[in-house]
Amino acid sequence: MLKINLKKIAEGLIPSFYEAGKESIRLSGKNLKITIKKDNTPVTNGDLLVDEILQETISNLTPNIQIVSEENVNEIKKFDNNNFWLIDPIDGTREYIKNKNEYTLNAALILNKKPVLGVIYAPKLKRLFYSFGKNDAYEINKNIKVKLNCKKLSKKNEILALSNSPTPSDIILNIHKKNKVTKFIKCSSSLKFCLIASGDFDIYAATARAKEWDIAAGHAIAEHAGAILTTFSGKKITYGKKDFANPALLLKRSNNLMK
């Protein structure tokens, strides 16, 4: 594994996330320009500017580590699938286009196929989350830094789930039932991982969907706060897979969701 100062790199990224978040807000609404990519998903001038800002800072911090972004992945010819950065400049682009507040900016460092550092910023909520190792996950909100530890914040008799959809599939509903979920709420971005790391919610399940850059930063933050992320069959999730495809995933705040 590369010997680098993860704390220094994570904290070095924070100013650029604030800058990129500010720019994303400036371009939202009337200033937003939307195009449709080959995969039939939207991309905006906000996505591209955020990507540019984050890539520049990351390149300066770790010039010898390759950057894979949702916006440059089709241009990559040579790829070290053990050690690399994953960037999703704006996760929840459709929410961003609608001028809603759930969208996030994301970057994760992958070493030996595992996420060892993550930064996620929700600009309109002014909530920034980052981590760089076990028990080193934090949130900065209104200039106050709080350590994240997955401590349950809801009532003990409640099990709160997050969902990609307001109408989850039977597969997801069965997982909710098995884990005695009492209520679920739709959330459209990587903010889901952070809300479990903070203890606000207990569980998130998703069938195979999206790409590695959608989950890597959240994976790091949640796991470093003490959460458990696996496939439905309990296997660990690694990165650098073919086409960057995600398996089905199950994220739990704790093995005992009542506590």
Protein backbone atom coordinates (compact mmCIF):
# COMPACT_ATOMS: atom_id res chain seq x y z
CA MET A 1 0.00 0.00 0.00
CA LEU A 2 1.18 3.51 -0.75
CA LYS A 3 2.53 5.36 2.28
CA ILE A 4 0.72 8.67 2.38
CA ASN A 5 -0.75 10.95 5.08
CA LEU A 6 -4.47 10.34 4.72
CA LYS A 7 -5.44 12.92 7.34
CA LYS A 8 -3.43 15.63 5.61
CA ILE A 9 -4.94 14.77 2.23
CA ALA A 10 -8.54 14.65 3.52
CA GLU A 11 -8.22 17.98 5.31
CA GLY A 12 -6.40 19.43 2.31
CA LEU A 13 -9.44 18.67 0.16
CA ILE A 14 -11.96 20.49 2.33
CA PRO A 15 -11.38 24.06 1.01
CA SER A 16 -11.82 22.90 -2.59
CA PHE A 17 -15.10 21.17 -1.67
CA TYR A 18 -16.40 24.42 -0.19
CA GLU A 19 -15.29 26.30 -3.30
CA ALA A 20 -16.83 23.73 -5.64
CA GLY A 21 -20.04 23.68 -3.61
CA LYS A 22 -20.31 27.45 -3.83
CA GLU A 23 -19.86 27.27 -7.60
CA SER A 24 -22.49 24.54 -7.90
CA ILE A 25 -25.00 26.81 -6.15
CA ARG A 26 -24.03 29.80 -8.31
CA LEU A 27 -24.72 27.80 -11.47
CA SER A 28 -27.98 26.28 -10.26
CA GLY A 29 -31.32 27.55 -11.48
CA LYS A 30 -31.22 29.93 -14.45
CA ASN A 31 -27.44 29.56 -14.97
CA LEU A 32 -27.60 25.79 -15.41
CA LYS A 33 -26.83 24.27 -18.81
CA ILE A 34 -27.87 20.64 -19.33
CA THR A 35 -26.71 18.10 -21.91
CA ILE A 36 -27.50 14.38 -22.25
CA LYS A 37 -24.60 11.90 -22.25
CA LYS A 38 -24.33 8.75 -24.38
CA ASP A 39 -25.74 6.67 -21.54
CA ASN A 40 -28.84 8.88 -21.60
CA THR A 41 -28.09 10.52 -18.24
CA PRO A 42 -27.90 14.29 -17.76
CA VAL A 43 -24.74 16.27 -17.11
CA THR A 44 -24.59 19.99 -16.37
CA ASN A 45 -22.03 22.77 -16.45
CA GLY A 46 -22.18 22.48 -12.66
CA ASP A 47 -21.01 18.85 -12.75
CA LEU A 48 -18.14 19.76 -15.07
CA LEU A 49 -16.94 22.76 -13.07
CA VAL A 50 -17.05 20.85 -9.77
CA ASP A 51 -15.12 18.03 -11.43
CA GLU A 52 -12.46 20.48 -12.65
CA ILE A 53 -12.02 22.08 -9.22
CA LEU A 54 -11.77 18.76 -7.36
CA GLN A 55 -9.44 17.15 -9.90
CA GLU A 56 -7.05 20.09 -9.77
CA THR A 57 -6.73 19.91 -5.98
CA ILE A 58 -6.43 16.12 -5.93
CA SER A 59 -3.74 16.22 -8.63
CA ASN A 60 -1.74 18.66 -6.51
CA LEU A 61 -2.15 16.58 -3.34
CA THR A 62 -1.39 13.18 -4.90
CA PRO A 63 0.20 13.72 -8.33
CA ASN A 64 1.11 10.04 -8.75
CA ILE A 65 -2.34 8.58 -8.17
CA GLN A 66 -4.74 8.26 -11.10
CA ILE A 67 -8.12 9.99 -10.95
CA VAL A 68 -11.25 8.27 -12.21
CA SER A 69 -14.28 10.53 -12.44
CA GLU A 70 -17.78 9.89 -13.68
CA GLU A 71 -17.03 12.63 -16.20
CA ASN A 72 -13.69 11.28 -17.54
CA VAL A 73 -14.10 7.52 -17.23
CA ASN A 74 -14.68 7.02 -20.96
CA GLU A 75 -11.36 8.72 -21.76
CA ILE A 76 -9.22 6.42 -19.59
CA LYS A 77 -7.03 3.97 -21.51
CA LYS A 78 -4.60 2.69 -18.87
CA PHE A 79 -5.88 1.97 -15.38
CA ASP A 80 -4.35 0.76 -12.11
CA ASN A 81 -7.38 -0.82 -10.48
CA ASN A 82 -5.66 -1.15 -7.10
CA ASN A 83 -4.88 2.47 -6.25
CA PHE A 84 -6.90 5.36 -7.64
CA TRP A 85 -9.29 8.20 -6.86
CA LEU A 86 -13.01 8.02 -7.55
CA ILE A 87 -14.88 11.28 -8.07
CA ASP A 88 -18.58 11.84 -8.48
CA PRO A 89 -18.66 15.62 -8.87
CA ILE A 90 -22.41 15.83 -8.31
CA ASP A 91 -24.33 12.81 -7.07
CA GLY A 92 -28.03 13.42 -7.51
CA THR A 93 -27.73 15.42 -10.73
CA ARG A 94 -31.46 15.16 -11.37
CA GLU A 95 -32.13 16.66 -7.93
CA TYR A 96 -29.54 19.34 -8.68
CA ILE A 97 -31.30 20.19 -11.94
CA LYS A 98 -34.57 20.57 -10.00
CA ASN A 99 -32.74 23.00 -7.67
CA LYS A 100 -33.29 20.72 -4.66
CA ASN A 101 -30.93 20.39 -1.72
CA GLU A 102 -29.98 16.69 -1.45
CA TYR A 103 -27.24 16.60 -4.10
CA THR A 104 -23.66 15.98 -2.99
CA LEU A 105 -20.05 16.40 -4.12
CA ASN A 106 -17.93 13.26 -3.68
CA ALA A 107 -14.35 12.03 -3.72
CA ALA A 108 -12.82 8.80 -2.41
CA LEU A 109 -9.30 7.43 -2.38
CA ILE A 110 -9.04 3.73 -3.14
CA LEU A 111 -5.93 1.87 -1.98
CA ASN A 112 -5.60 -1.87 -2.50
CA LYS A 113 -9.18 -1.87 -3.85
CA LYS A 114 -10.59 -0.45 -0.57
CA PRO A 115 -11.88 3.07 0.22
CA VAL A 116 -9.47 4.57 2.75
CA LEU A 117 -10.58 8.21 2.56
CA GLY A 118 -13.85 9.89 1.68
CA VAL A 119 -15.20 13.44 1.43
CA ILE A 120 -18.85 14.30 0.82
CA TYR A 121 -20.34 17.79 0.80
CA ALA A 122 -24.00 18.78 0.57
CA PRO A 123 -23.64 22.48 -0.36
CA LYS A 124 -27.24 23.58 0.12
CA LEU A 125 -27.42 21.83 3.49
CA LYS A 126 -23.96 23.17 4.44
CA ARG A 127 -22.98 19.74 5.75
CA LEU A 128 -19.52 18.36 4.99
CA PHE A 129 -18.49 14.83 5.93
CA TYR A 130 -15.03 13.28 5.69
CA SER A 131 -13.00 10.35 6.97
CA PHE A 132 -9.49 8.95 6.72
CA GLY A 133 -9.49 5.79 8.84
CA LYS A 134 -11.25 3.72 11.46
CA ASN A 135 -12.76 5.98 14.16
CA ASP A 136 -11.72 9.03 12.14
CA ALA A 137 -14.99 10.12 10.53
CA TYR A 138 -16.28 13.66 11.01
CA GLU A 139 -18.96 16.16 10.08
CA ILE A 140 -18.45 19.92 9.82
CA ASN A 141 -21.71 21.82 10.17
CA LYS A 142 -21.85 25.59 10.80
CA ASN A 143 -18.09 25.55 11.51
CA ILE A 144 -18.59 22.96 14.26
CA LYS A 145 -16.69 19.68 13.86
CA VAL A 146 -18.34 16.56 15.27
CA LYS A 147 -16.95 13.02 15.35
CA LEU A 148 -19.21 10.42 13.74
CA ASN A 149 -19.73 7.12 15.53
CA CYS A 150 -23.06 5.71 14.27
CA LYS A 151 -24.65 6.26 17.69
CA LYS A 152 -28.41 5.82 17.34
CA LEU A 153 -30.26 9.14 17.44
CA SER A 154 -33.78 7.87 16.82
CA LYS A 155 -36.02 6.26 19.42
CA LYS A 156 -35.02 2.76 20.49
CA ASN A 157 -38.28 1.25 19.26
CA GLU A 158 -37.79 2.78 15.79
CA ILE A 159 -35.76 1.36 12.91
CA LEU A 160 -35.41 4.01 10.22
CA ALA A 161 -34.40 3.11 6.66
CA LEU A 162 -33.30 5.13 3.66
CA SER A 163 -34.38 4.22 0.14
CA ASN A 164 -33.53 5.24 -3.42
CA SER A 165 -37.20 5.11 -4.29
CA PRO A 166 -40.50 6.13 -2.71
CA THR A 167 -41.76 2.70 -3.82
CA PRO A 168 -39.06 0.13 -2.98
CA SER A 169 -39.03 -3.25 -4.69
CA ASP A 170 -40.28 -6.38 -2.93
CA ILE A 171 -36.64 -7.41 -2.43
CA ILE A 172 -35.92 -4.22 -0.48
CA LEU A 173 -39.20 -4.36 1.42
CA ASN A 174 -38.38 -7.92 2.52
CA ILE A 175 -35.02 -6.71 3.83
CA HIS A 176 -36.85 -3.94 5.70
CA LYS A 177 -39.21 -6.51 7.18
CA LYS A 178 -36.37 -8.82 8.20
CA ASN A 179 -34.66 -5.92 9.99
CA LYS A 180 -37.93 -4.70 11.57
CA VAL A 181 -37.89 -1.34 9.81
CA THR A 182 -40.66 0.89 11.13
CA LYS A 183 -40.31 3.70 8.57
CA PHE A 184 -38.39 4.50 5.40
CA ILE A 185 -37.60 7.79 3.67
CA LYS A 186 -36.43 8.44 0.10
CA CYS A 187 -33.01 10.01 -0.33
CA SER A 188 -31.49 10.51 -3.77
CA SER A 189 -27.76 10.93 -3.18
CA SER A 190 -24.75 9.68 -1.23
CA LEU A 191 -26.08 11.70 1.71
CA LYS A 192 -27.66 8.36 2.72
CA PHE A 193 -24.30 7.00 3.85
CA CYS A 194 -23.60 10.10 5.92
CA LEU A 195 -27.00 10.00 7.63
CA ILE A 196 -26.26 6.46 8.76
CA ALA A 197 -22.75 7.43 9.90
CA SER A 198 -24.30 10.25 11.94
CA GLY A 199 -26.82 7.86 13.54
CA ASP A 200 -29.89 9.63 12.13
CA PHE A 201 -30.89 6.50 10.20
CA ASP A 202 -30.26 2.79 10.71
CA ILE A 203 -30.21 0.93 7.41
CA TYR A 204 -29.99 1.31 3.64
CA ALA A 205 -30.41 -1.49 1.11
CA ALA A 206 -30.12 -1.29 -2.67
CA THR A 207 -30.17 -3.80 -5.49
CA ALA A 208 -27.30 -3.67 -7.99
CA ARG A 209 -27.33 -0.17 -9.46
CA ALA A 210 -25.22 2.93 -10.14
CA LYS A 211 -21.42 2.90 -10.25
CA GLU A 212 -18.51 2.75 -7.83
CA TRP A 213 -18.06 6.53 -7.75
CA ASP A 214 -21.63 6.82 -6.41
CA ILE A 215 -20.84 4.89 -3.22
CA ALA A 216 -17.07 4.95 -2.56
CA ALA A 217 -16.86 8.14 -0.49
CA GLY A 218 -19.97 7.21 1.47
CA HIS A 219 -18.60 3.71 2.01
CA ALA A 220 -15.43 5.15 3.57
CA ILE A 221 -17.25 7.63 5.81
CA ALA A 222 -19.89 5.17 7.05
CA GLU A 223 -17.45 2.34 7.65
CA HIS A 224 -14.93 4.58 9.41
CA ALA A 225 -17.76 5.76 11.68
CA GLY A 226 -18.52 2.15 12.59
CA ALA A 227 -21.21 1.10 10.10
CA ILE A 228 -21.16 -2.21 8.21
CA LEU A 229 -21.40 -2.35 4.41
CA THR A 230 -21.65 -5.66 2.57
CA THR A 231 -23.42 -7.30 -0.33
CA PHE A 232 -26.77 -8.97 0.41
CA SER A 233 -24.87 -12.22 0.96
CA GLY A 234 -22.48 -10.62 3.48
CA LYS A 235 -19.44 -10.24 1.24
CA LYS A 236 -17.17 -7.19 1.41
CA ILE A 237 -17.40 -4.64 -1.38
CA THR A 238 -14.21 -3.83 -3.27
CA TYR A 239 -13.39 -1.34 -6.03
CA GLY A 240 -11.82 -1.30 -9.47
CA LYS A 241 -14.28 -3.86 -10.85
CA LYS A 242 -15.08 -4.23 -14.54
CA ASP A 243 -17.15 -1.27 -15.75
CA PHE A 244 -17.07 0.05 -12.14
CA ALA A 245 -20.38 -1.75 -11.54
CA ASN A 246 -21.80 -1.98 -8.03
CA PRO A 247 -23.25 -5.17 -6.53
CA ALA A 248 -26.38 -5.11 -4.39
CA LEU A 249 -25.47 -3.54 -1.06
CA LEU A 250 -26.64 -3.50 2.53
CA LEU A 251 -25.50 -0.75 4.89
CA LYS A 252 -26.29 -1.07 8.58
CA ARG A 253 -25.48 1.38 11.34
CA SER A 254 -24.80 -1.57 13.62
CA ASN A 255 -25.43 -5.29 13.81
CA ASN A 256 -28.01 -4.43 16.49
CA LEU A 257 -30.21 -1.70 15.01
CA MET A 258 -32.22 -1.31 18.22
CA LYS A 259 -29.22 0.07 20.08
